[in-house]
Structure formats: structure tokens, C-alpha cells
Protein backbone atom coordinates (compact mmCIF):
# COMPACT_ATOMS: atom_id res chain seq x y z
CA UNK A 1 -11.81 47.82 27.35
CA UNK A 2 -9.04 49.61 25.35
CA UNK A 3 -7.37 47.94 22.47
CA UNK A 4 -4.15 47.39 24.14
CA UNK A 5 -5.61 45.39 26.80
CA UNK A 6 -7.60 43.26 24.42
CA UNK A 7 -4.55 42.40 22.46
CA UNK A 8 -2.88 41.43 25.44
CA UNK A 9 -5.67 39.09 26.56
CA UNK A 10 -5.79 37.52 23.18
CA UNK A 11 -2.13 36.73 23.32
CA UNK A 12 -2.37 35.09 26.62
CA UNK A 13 -5.24 33.14 25.47
CA UNK A 14 -3.28 32.05 22.21
CA UNK A 15 -0.21 31.01 24.22
CA UNK A 16 -2.24 29.23 26.72
CA UNK A 17 -4.83 27.65 24.11
CA UNK A 18 -6.27 25.35 26.69
CA UNK A 19 -9.97 25.15 26.34
CA UNK A 20 -10.56 25.98 29.90
CA UNK A 21 -14.32 26.67 30.55
CA UNK A 22 -13.52 28.52 33.83
CA UNK A 23 -10.95 30.73 32.39
CA UNK A 24 -13.16 31.76 29.32
CA UNK A 25 -16.06 32.54 31.65
CA UNK A 26 -13.75 34.90 33.88
CA UNK A 27 -12.64 36.59 30.85
CA UNK A 28 -16.20 37.47 29.72
CA UNK A 29 -17.11 38.75 33.20
CA UNK A 30 -14.20 41.04 33.17
CA UNK A 31 -15.17 42.28 29.81
CA UNK A 32 -18.90 42.90 31.03
CA UNK A 33 -17.65 44.63 34.06
CA UNK A 34 -15.49 47.30 32.32
CA UNK A 35 -16.96 50.45 31.35
CA UNK A 36 -16.97 51.35 27.61
CA UNK A 37 -14.06 53.63 26.52
CA UNK A 38 -14.45 57.19 26.37
CA UNK A 39 -13.62 59.18 23.31
CA UNK A 40 -14.12 62.62 21.79
CA UNK A 41 -16.66 61.13 19.17
CA UNK A 42 -20.07 60.09 20.26
CA UNK A 43 -20.91 56.39 19.63
CA UNK A 44 -24.11 54.58 19.86
CA UNK A 45 -24.40 52.90 23.22
CA UNK A 46 -23.14 49.36 23.01
CA UNK A 47 -25.63 46.79 24.91
CA UNK A 48 -23.89 44.85 27.66
CA UNK A 49 -25.21 41.79 25.74
CA UNK A 50 -23.46 42.64 22.42
CA UNK A 51 -20.06 43.48 24.37
CA UNK A 52 -20.31 40.15 26.12
CA UNK A 53 -21.11 38.32 22.89
CA UNK A 54 -17.92 40.20 21.30
CA UNK A 55 -15.71 39.29 23.98
CA UNK A 56 -16.62 35.85 24.34
CA UNK A 57 -16.34 35.02 20.56
CA UNK A 58 -12.81 36.99 20.41
CA UNK A 59 -11.51 34.51 22.97
CA UNK A 60 -13.32 31.50 21.75
CA UNK A 61 -11.68 32.41 18.28
CA UNK A 62 -8.25 32.93 19.74
CA UNK A 63 -8.41 29.45 21.53
CA UNK A 64 -9.53 27.71 18.37
CA UNK A 65 -6.81 29.33 16.33
CA UNK A 66 -4.35 28.32 19.16
CA UNK A 67 -5.56 24.69 18.80
CA UNK A 68 -5.37 24.62 15.02
CA UNK A 69 -1.73 26.03 15.07
CA UNK A 70 -0.91 23.46 17.82
CA UNK A 71 -2.17 20.64 15.97
CA UNK A 72 0.03 21.62 13.02
CA UNK A 73 3.12 22.27 14.89
CA UNK A 74 2.79 18.92 16.78
CA UNK A 75 1.92 16.87 13.74
CA UNK A 76 4.84 14.44 13.03
CA UNK A 77 6.54 14.08 9.52
CA UNK A 78 4.80 11.67 7.18
CA UNK A 79 5.71 8.00 7.86
CA UNK A 80 8.48 6.75 5.23
CA UNK A 81 7.58 4.06 2.83
CA UNK A 82 8.10 0.72 4.15
CA UNK A 83 10.56 -1.48 2.53
CA UNK A 84 9.31 -4.42 0.66
CA UNK A 85 9.90 -7.69 2.75
CA UNK A 86 12.30 -10.23 1.22
CA UNK A 87 10.09 -12.81 -0.72
CA UNK A 88 8.94 -16.07 0.94
CA UNK A 89 10.48 -19.12 -0.65
CA UNK A 90 9.27 -22.61 0.73
CA UNK A 91 9.43 -26.17 -0.27
CA UNK A 92 8.18 -29.63 0.68
CA UNK A 93 9.32 -32.75 -0.48
CA UNK A 94 6.85 -35.94 -1.13
CA UNK A 95 6.56 -39.47 -2.63
CA UNK A 96 3.99 -39.32 -5.44
CA UNK A 97 1.01 -41.50 -4.70
CA UNK A 98 1.71 -43.22 -8.00
CA UNK A 99 4.66 -44.86 -6.91
CA UNK A 100 4.78 -48.72 -6.57
CA UNK A 101 7.05 -51.51 -5.29
CA UNK A 102 9.36 -51.39 -8.18
CA UNK A 103 9.10 -47.74 -9.33
CA UNK A 104 8.76 -44.20 -7.57
CA UNK A 105 8.60 -40.34 -8.28
CA UNK A 106 9.96 -38.09 -5.87
CA UNK A 107 8.36 -34.52 -5.87
CA UNK A 108 9.69 -31.26 -4.88
CA UNK A 109 7.15 -28.58 -4.49
CA UNK A 110 8.56 -24.96 -4.68
CA UNK A 111 6.42 -21.98 -3.43
CA UNK A 112 7.60 -18.34 -4.15
CA UNK A 113 5.67 -15.29 -3.21
CA UNK A 114 7.48 -13.15 -5.71
CA UNK A 115 8.90 -13.67 -9.27
CA UNK A 116 12.36 -15.37 -9.18
CA UNK A 117 14.98 -14.36 -11.75
CA UNK A 118 17.14 -17.48 -10.71
CA UNK A 119 16.31 -20.82 -9.50
CA UNK A 120 18.23 -24.10 -9.00
CA UNK A 121 16.41 -27.19 -7.68
CA UNK A 122 18.51 -30.09 -6.55
CA UNK A 123 17.19 -33.61 -5.83
CA UNK A 124 19.13 -36.07 -4.27
CA UNK A 125 17.85 -39.84 -4.12
CA UNK A 126 19.75 -41.90 -1.59
CA UNK A 127 21.01 -45.27 -3.26
CA UNK A 128 19.13 -47.74 -1.38
CA UNK A 129 19.34 -50.70 -3.60
CA UNK A 130 18.42 -50.92 -7.42
CA UNK A 131 18.18 -47.07 -7.93
CA UNK A 132 18.21 -46.30 -11.52
CA UNK A 133 16.57 -42.92 -13.21
CA UNK A 134 14.03 -43.50 -15.33
CA UNK A 135 13.06 -39.98 -16.33
CA UNK A 136 12.06 -36.49 -14.84
CA UNK A 137 9.43 -33.58 -15.43
CA UNK A 138 8.69 -30.29 -14.01
CA UNK A 139 5.35 -28.04 -14.30
CA UNK A 140 7.38 -25.20 -15.71
CA UNK A 141 7.91 -25.11 -19.46
CA UNK A 142 10.82 -27.56 -20.66
CA UNK A 143 12.86 -24.62 -22.49
CA UNK A 144 12.94 -22.55 -19.41
CA UNK A 145 15.31 -25.06 -17.55
CA UNK A 146 18.39 -27.06 -18.09
CA UNK A 147 18.44 -30.50 -16.40
CA UNK A 148 21.31 -32.85 -15.34
CA UNK A 149 21.14 -36.25 -13.70
CA UNK A 150 24.25 -37.75 -12.51
CA UNK A 151 25.10 -40.51 -10.27
CA UNK A 152 27.29 -40.21 -7.03
CA UNK A 153 28.41 -43.04 -4.87
CA UNK A 154 25.76 -42.46 -2.16
CA UNK A 155 23.00 -40.87 -4.43
CA UNK A 156 21.33 -40.17 -7.75
CA UNK A 157 21.09 -36.34 -8.29
CA UNK A 158 18.65 -34.45 -10.31
CA UNK A 159 19.34 -30.88 -10.93
CA UNK A 160 17.08 -28.28 -12.64
CA UNK A 161 18.62 -24.73 -13.32
CA UNK A 162 16.64 -21.71 -14.87
CA UNK A 163 17.90 -20.71 -18.00
CA UNK A 164 19.23 -16.96 -18.28
CA UNK A 165 16.74 -14.51 -19.04
CA UNK A 166 13.78 -16.57 -17.74
CA UNK A 167 11.57 -15.84 -14.91
CA UNK A 168 9.63 -18.11 -12.63
CA UNK A 169 6.43 -16.55 -11.58
CA UNK A 170 4.86 -16.37 -8.06
CA UNK A 171 2.97 -19.58 -7.24
CA UNK A 172 3.51 -23.39 -6.60
CA UNK A 173 5.73 -25.17 -9.05
CA UNK A 174 6.69 -29.15 -9.04
CA UNK A 175 9.93 -30.72 -9.96
CA UNK A 176 9.85 -34.56 -10.00
CA UNK A 177 12.45 -37.26 -10.32
CA UNK A 178 11.47 -40.88 -11.42
CA UNK A 179 13.71 -43.85 -10.77
CA UNK A 180 13.42 -47.68 -10.38
CA UNK A 181 14.28 -49.20 -7.02
CA UNK A 182 14.49 -52.57 -5.29
CA UNK A 183 11.25 -54.36 -4.88
CA UNK A 184 9.25 -53.65 -1.76
CA UNK A 185 8.68 -50.60 0.22
CA UNK A 186 11.35 -48.16 -0.26
CA UNK A 187 12.87 -45.88 2.91
CA UNK A 188 13.25 -42.28 1.66
CA UNK A 189 14.30 -40.81 4.91
CA UNK A 190 17.61 -40.58 3.24
CA UNK A 191 16.63 -38.56 0.36
CA UNK A 192 16.95 -34.52 0.35
CA UNK A 193 16.36 -31.48 -1.72
CA UNK A 194 18.05 -28.06 -1.95
CA UNK A 195 16.44 -24.82 -3.48
CA UNK A 196 18.51 -21.69 -4.27
CA UNK A 197 16.78 -18.59 -5.61
CA UNK A 198 17.01 -14.77 -6.60
CA UNK A 199 14.14 -12.60 -6.74
CA UNK A 200 13.90 -9.75 -9.29
CA UNK A 201 15.30 -7.18 -6.62
CA UNK A 202 18.39 -9.41 -5.74
CA UNK A 203 17.07 -10.91 -2.46
CA UNK A 204 18.77 -14.54 -2.20
CA UNK A 205 17.00 -17.60 -0.36
CA UNK A 206 17.98 -21.16 0.21
CA UNK A 207 15.70 -23.92 1.48
CA UNK A 208 16.83 -27.47 2.25
CA UNK A 209 14.62 -30.35 3.40
CA UNK A 210 13.91 -34.08 3.25
CA UNK A 211 11.38 -36.75 2.56
CA UNK A 212 10.79 -37.84 6.35
CA UNK A 213 7.02 -38.12 6.66
CA UNK A 214 5.48 -35.60 9.19
CA UNK A 215 4.30 -37.12 12.46
């Protein structure tokens, strides 16, 4: 087999680079059938088995190289970094179990999955009769928030505002308004809350809810 023929066969194998067993065996058999090249210099006779192994190795090597090349060429670009999802902000309103027939505490539990750079919690207690504020508290440090309590015609409004430069860490935080009310069980279905927040990346969220018991 002359060098030109061998190179042509190798190029054909590289272009095809399909590991076809029948095609490989056919090329091996052709190599075995062709007579050794005649040159002016005497060479040691090459055994038929050695020539067969050489041709097979050459074809297999080209196929392997072709497969590796194809893998490199068809590999897609590295996936881009996934943008971080907006922070999750949740809240729930409940009547504290320590409430009684003359006094109550309404709790707003705010849960954030990321640090908050701003937070405003507003709690509205419907004026159902005998409503008068007796205090408020929160689980965050007192110096982190400014608090206001105002009376409107239809509601007693508590408002907690995160102070500039302060941060609320991820987790659950409770804000509570305390008040007297007319004697007897009180209907809290008219009470409501609103939470507005901004995380450290500027993502803003607003959550609203009420104190209607879940069925």
C-alpha cells in the first residue's frame, strides 16, 4: 500500500468518523490483500499479520481522533450564570392566644429569605367598639425601627418603619399591636396588614393580608 493511498483512506475515515465495524474490517481486508510496495532498497519482509495490525491501528486511531474532534466541535458554550431569584417575602396575621374578653394582641409575622434594606409594616385594627391602643412591640431591636400609632375614623393604625442604615436579616420577625376592646369575643375579620420591603439588591416586594381564620 503506497503512502498516498493510505493518507487518502485516513482522511476518508476522519471525515466519516463513524465507528462502523463492517467498514473497518473491509479496510483491514483491503490492506491485507494489497502487495507490499516495491522499492530499490531491500527491506525485511513484513508479515501479513503485522501489516494487518498496522492498518487496523491506523484506522482505529483516525476514528478515535475524529470522535474526539467531533466532541470538541459540538460541545456547547458553558451555561451562563443563573441570575438570583427575587427574595421571597411572606406574612401571616394572627390573634395572640393570650388575648381575652377585654384586651387583644394582633401579631404580624414577616418572613424574609434575604436581608432587607428597607421594611415598613402597617397593621390596621378595625374600630369595632371600645378600641384603644395599649402598646406595641416587635422581635427586632427597638432602635432599628421608628413606630407610630394613629387613630383614624375606621381603624387604629400601627406602623413600623426600618431606620436608615439598618438591615433586617433573613428569617421570621413578629410585629404586634396591643389594644383594649369592648367586652366579649371580638370579630377581627376587618383587620388587615400591609408589608413593603426592599432587599439588598433593590428588589421590592409588597404583601397584604387580613386576620380571617383559615377554614
